[in-house]
Protein backbone atom coordinates (compact mmCIF):
# COMPACT_ATOMS: atom_id res chain seq x y z
CA MET A 1 -10.84 13.13 -21.08
CA GLU A 2 -10.02 16.88 -20.62
CA LYS A 3 -8.89 16.45 -17.22
CA GLU A 4 -6.80 13.25 -18.32
CA LYS A 5 -4.79 15.12 -20.87
CA LEU A 6 -4.29 18.12 -18.78
CA TYR A 7 -3.12 15.68 -15.97
CA GLU A 8 -0.78 14.35 -18.85
CA MET A 9 0.77 17.89 -20.06
CA LEU A 10 1.23 18.67 -16.34
CA GLY A 11 3.81 15.43 -16.06
CA ALA A 12 1.86 12.47 -15.51
CA SER A 13 3.01 9.97 -18.02
CA TRP A 14 6.66 11.13 -17.58
CA PHE A 15 6.40 11.02 -13.57
CA GLN A 16 4.95 7.73 -13.21
CA LYS A 17 7.83 6.42 -15.09
CA VAL A 18 9.78 8.28 -12.54
CA VAL A 19 8.08 6.81 -9.60
CA PHE A 20 8.43 2.91 -10.90
CA LYS A 21 11.88 3.72 -11.02
CA VAL A 22 12.44 4.93 -7.75
CA GLU A 23 9.97 1.96 -6.56
CA ASP A 24 12.13 -0.37 -8.03
CA LEU A 25 15.26 1.19 -6.54
CA LYS A 26 13.51 1.26 -3.19
CA PHE A 27 13.02 -3.19 -3.05
CA LYS A 28 16.50 -3.37 -4.20
CA PHE A 29 17.55 -1.17 -1.39
CA ILE A 30 15.31 -3.07 1.27
CA ASP A 31 16.62 -6.83 -0.54
CA ARG A 32 20.32 -5.58 0.18
CA PHE A 33 20.03 -3.37 3.25
CA CYS A 34 16.98 -4.41 5.39
CA PRO A 35 16.26 -8.06 4.69
CA ASN A 36 14.27 -7.91 8.11
CA ILE A 37 12.06 -5.28 7.42
CA ASP A 38 8.79 -7.52 7.44
CA SER A 39 9.86 -8.70 10.90
CA TRP A 40 10.18 -5.31 12.28
CA TYR A 41 7.18 -4.04 10.85
CA CYS A 42 4.97 -7.39 12.02
CA ASN A 43 6.75 -6.47 15.31
CA TYR A 44 5.60 -3.01 15.44
CA CYS A 45 2.14 -4.11 14.01
CA ASP A 46 2.15 -6.56 17.52
CA LYS A 47 2.76 -3.78 19.42
CA LYS A 48 0.52 -1.12 18.19
CA VAL A 49 -2.14 -3.91 18.41
CA LYS A 50 -1.21 -4.70 22.09
CA LYS A 51 -1.61 -1.15 23.33
CA ILE A 52 -4.95 -0.43 21.06
CA CYS A 53 -6.30 -3.45 22.73
CA LEU A 54 -5.62 -2.75 26.20
CA LYS A 55 -8.47 0.55 25.47
CA LEU A 56 -10.62 -1.72 24.43
CA ASP A 57 -13.59 -3.15 26.36
CA THR A 58 -15.66 -5.57 23.84
CA GLU A 59 -13.69 -8.98 22.71
CA GLU A 60 -15.16 -7.88 19.16
CA GLU A 61 -13.92 -4.78 19.03
CA LYS A 62 -10.26 -6.10 19.99
CA GLU A 63 -11.12 -8.57 17.01
CA LYS A 64 -11.83 -5.98 14.57
CA ILE A 65 -8.22 -4.19 15.15
CA ARG A 66 -6.30 -7.86 15.13
CA LEU A 67 -8.14 -8.66 12.07
CA LYS A 68 -7.04 -5.21 10.72
CA TYR A 69 -3.59 -5.33 11.98
CA ASN A 70 -3.28 -8.74 10.48
CA PHE A 71 -4.24 -7.66 6.95
CA LYS A 72 -1.85 -4.71 7.16
CA LYS A 73 1.01 -7.32 7.71
CA MET A 74 -0.34 -9.38 4.99
CA ALA A 75 -0.52 -6.29 2.46
CA PHE A 76 2.92 -5.30 3.53
CA LYS A 77 4.27 -8.97 2.67
CA LYS A 78 2.62 -8.76 -0.59
CA GLU A 79 4.67 -5.60 -1.49
CA LEU A 80 7.63 -7.05 -0.33
CA ARG A 81 7.07 -9.97 -2.32
CA GLU A 82 5.87 -8.88 -5.63
CA LYS A 83 7.85 -5.76 -5.25
CA LYS A 84 5.17 -3.27 -5.63
CA ASN A 85 3.41 -0.52 -4.30
CA ARG A 86 -0.13 -1.29 -3.61
CA ASN A 87 -1.48 2.35 -4.05
CA TYR A 88 1.08 2.53 -7.63
CA HIS A 89 -0.48 -0.59 -8.66
CA ILE A 90 -4.26 -2.24 -8.89
CA ASP A 91 -5.56 -5.71 -7.93
CA PHE A 92 -8.32 -6.94 -9.81
CA ASN A 93 -9.27 -8.68 -6.85
CA ASN A 94 -9.85 -5.82 -4.93
CA ALA A 95 -10.11 -2.74 -7.05
CA SER A 96 -12.23 -0.84 -4.61
CA ARG A 97 -9.32 -0.56 -2.19
CA PHE A 98 -7.02 1.07 -4.80
CA LYS A 99 -9.51 3.86 -5.33
CA ASP A 100 -8.66 4.11 -1.42
CA TYR A 101 -5.12 4.21 -1.89
CA LEU A 102 -5.18 6.45 -4.56
CA LEU A 103 -7.26 9.21 -2.31
CA TRP A 104 -5.00 8.53 0.55
CA ASN A 105 -1.60 9.26 -1.31
CA LYS A 106 -3.02 12.26 -2.98
CA LYS A 107 -4.45 13.41 0.66
CA VAL A 108 -0.28 13.03 2.02
CA HIS A 109 1.07 15.02 -1.12
CA LYS A 110 -1.26 17.62 -0.59
CA ASN A 111 -0.49 18.17 3.10
CA GLY A 112 2.71 18.28 1.92
CA MET A 113 2.31 20.94 -0.69
CA ILE A 114 0.93 22.88 2.22
CA TRP A 115 3.95 22.27 4.52
CA ASN A 116 6.27 23.27 1.66
CA GLY A 117 4.77 26.05 0.82
CA ILE A 118 4.84 27.15 4.73
CA TRP A 119 8.47 26.12 4.86
CA ILE A 120 8.86 28.45 1.85
CA SER A 121 7.30 31.50 2.70
CA LEU A 122 8.77 31.67 6.52
CA CYS A 123 12.65 30.91 4.61
CA SER A 124 12.05 33.57 2.24
CA LEU A 125 11.34 36.10 5.06
CA ALA A 126 13.90 34.47 7.00
CA LEU A 127 16.87 35.28 4.29
CA PHE A 128 15.85 39.28 4.90
CA PHE A 129 17.00 39.23 9.03
CA THR A 130 20.11 36.39 8.80
CA SER A 131 23.06 36.02 7.80
CA GLY A 132 26.41 33.62 7.62
CA ILE A 133 26.07 30.13 8.15
CA ALA A 134 22.59 30.89 9.52
CA SER A 135 21.67 32.40 6.33
CA VAL A 136 22.78 29.29 4.21
CA LEU A 137 21.17 26.88 6.50
CA THR A 138 18.36 29.09 5.97
CA SER A 139 18.83 29.17 1.96
CA VAL A 140 19.13 24.99 1.83
CA TRP A 141 16.32 24.52 3.62
CA LEU A 142 14.68 26.73 1.22
CA GLY A 143 16.10 24.70 -1.53
CA TYR A 144 14.67 21.64 -0.58
CA ASN A 145 11.07 22.80 0.19
CA VAL A 146 11.34 24.39 -3.28
CA LEU A 147 12.26 20.81 -4.74
CA ALA A 148 9.75 18.79 -2.21
CA LEU A 149 6.89 21.35 -3.45
CA GLY A 150 7.59 20.27 -7.12
CA VAL A 151 7.65 16.31 -6.10
CA ASN A 152 4.43 16.51 -4.36
CA PHE A 153 2.79 18.52 -6.72
CA GLU A 154 3.67 15.89 -9.27
CA CYS A 155 2.58 13.12 -6.98
CA VAL A 156 -0.98 14.79 -6.57
CA ASN A 157 -1.10 15.30 -10.19
CA LEU A 158 -0.31 11.63 -10.65
CA GLN A 159 -2.70 10.63 -8.47
CA ASN A 160 -5.22 12.75 -10.35
CA TYR A 161 -4.49 11.18 -14.03
CA ASN A 162 -4.83 7.55 -12.29
CA LEU A 163 -8.22 8.48 -10.57
CA CYS A 164 -9.57 9.49 -13.84
CA ARG A 165 -8.27 6.36 -15.28
CA PHE A 166 -9.54 4.18 -12.91
CA GLU A 167 -13.01 5.99 -12.47
CA LYS A 168 -13.58 5.38 -16.62
CA ARG A 169 -13.13 2.24 -16.25
CA GLU A 170 -14.62 2.15 -12.49
CA ASP A 171 -18.00 0.00 -13.34
CA THR A 172 -15.93 -2.85 -14.93
CA LEU A 173 -13.28 -3.04 -12.40
CA VAL A 174 -16.16 -3.53 -9.73
CA LYS A 175 -17.96 -6.12 -11.40
CA ILE A 176 -14.43 -8.28 -12.00
CA GLU A 177 -14.00 -7.43 -8.54
CA LYS A 178 -17.67 -8.86 -7.35
CA ARG A 179 -17.10 -11.75 -9.33
CA SER A 180 -13.87 -12.79 -7.89
CA LYS A 181 -15.00 -12.26 -4.51
CA SER A 182 -17.96 -14.50 -5.55
CA ARG A 183 -15.96 -17.19 -6.85
CA ASP A 184 -13.49 -17.45 -3.63
CA VAL A 185 -16.63 -17.49 -1.50
CA LYS A 186 -17.78 -20.59 -3.34
CA ASN A 187 -14.46 -22.29 -3.71
CA PHE A 188 -12.63 -21.59 -0.13
CA ALA A 189 -15.39 -20.98 1.66
CA LYS A 190 -14.57 -23.62 4.63
CA VAL A 191 -10.74 -23.43 4.65
CA GLY A 192 -11.46 -19.64 4.41
CA GLU A 193 -13.33 -19.42 7.27
CA LYS A 194 -10.40 -21.10 9.46
CA ILE A 195 -7.93 -18.58 8.27
CA TYR A 196 -10.24 -15.57 9.20
CA ASN A 197 -10.90 -17.31 12.72
CA LYS A 198 -7.00 -17.23 13.09
CA LEU A 199 -6.43 -13.82 11.79
CA CYS A 200 -9.23 -12.74 14.58
CA ASN A 201 -8.49 -14.23 17.39
CA ARG A 202 -4.62 -13.46 17.60
CA ILE A 203 -2.25 -10.67 17.45
CA GLU A 204 0.43 -12.51 15.74
CA MET A 205 0.04 -13.73 12.13
CA PRO A 206 -0.76 -17.77 12.38
CA LYS A 207 1.77 -20.12 10.36
CA SER A 208 1.02 -21.88 7.48
CA SER A 209 1.69 -25.05 9.51
CA GLU A 210 -0.90 -23.76 12.03
CA VAL A 211 -3.64 -23.37 9.09
CA VAL A 212 -2.78 -26.91 7.70
CA SER A 213 -3.41 -28.68 11.22
CA SER A 214 -6.38 -27.11 11.71
CA ILE A 215 -7.81 -28.88 8.69
CA THR A 216 -10.25 -31.21 10.24
CA ASP A 217 -11.91 -32.69 6.97
CA LYS A 218 -11.70 -34.04 3.00
CA GLU A 219 -13.13 -30.86 1.57
CA GLU A 220 -11.42 -28.40 3.67
CA LEU A 221 -7.93 -29.51 2.43
CA GLU A 222 -8.89 -29.93 -1.00
CA GLN A 223 -9.93 -26.22 -0.72
CA LEU A 224 -6.61 -25.38 0.75
CA ARG A 225 -4.79 -27.07 -1.77
CA LYS A 226 -6.88 -25.79 -4.61
CA LEU A 227 -6.11 -22.15 -2.66
CA ALA A 228 -2.41 -22.66 -2.36
CA LEU A 229 -1.71 -23.56 -6.12
CA GLU A 230 -3.94 -20.62 -7.07
CA VAL A 231 -1.57 -18.31 -5.25
CA LYS A 232 1.58 -20.28 -6.49
CA ALA A 233 0.32 -19.30 -10.18
CA GLN A 234 -0.58 -15.74 -9.41
CA ARG A 235 2.86 -15.56 -8.11
CA GLN A 236 4.55 -17.22 -11.16
CA ASP A 237 2.36 -14.98 -13.45
CA SER A 238 3.47 -11.70 -11.47
CA SER A 239 7.28 -13.08 -12.23
CA LYS A 240 6.75 -13.50 -15.99
CA ILE A 241 5.08 -9.90 -16.26
CA LYS A 242 7.73 -8.43 -13.84
CA MET A 243 11.03 -10.24 -16.22
CA LYS A 244 8.96 -9.31 -19.38
CA LYS A 245 9.18 -5.35 -18.45
């Protein structure tokens, strides 16, 4: 609790509002100026998978890479659809991954702070030996890194704050996640296996029509229908929450 209050005093609550505002602007920008970013990202992942698989010997290793990058593509699609950065919004069906995102994001900004500190030191030293346009450019770069240092500090502080809040409820969140996964295994095991195999066995994401055409019995069909209705309901709930906000 003391740590959490300290992070709040250092600006975590205020900065989180700024982050959510920037997030909103980011997705509005993407919708307007980068409508095909989803296709671009999928193509980038596909090329990367092909390159990595050329260096692998066993089919098992290749399957793991294909699955990993297909999950990346699905996570990116979900971000675009829900207009939420995965490292700032918890998914109760996958709470343990949220902590990983927080730690990863914190590490990125800590590294950013180190580089900001290096550039600030170099620029401060360079100002003693430069003049004219070189001095102006050095001052601009110095100012940018001072500003970036402040932003990176607040990002690290915010992630520390979110980690504190997460860890207070971690046991409960992990239990919810386990119950959710157990329920999904029970309800969608057969159709889930079909989808899983398609994600492992090919580089490109399987289309919905391909999943449907692979169904071979009534039970699989019922599971697929139930899964589709559940995903639809989740999307509608997410849209309602966003509209209320």
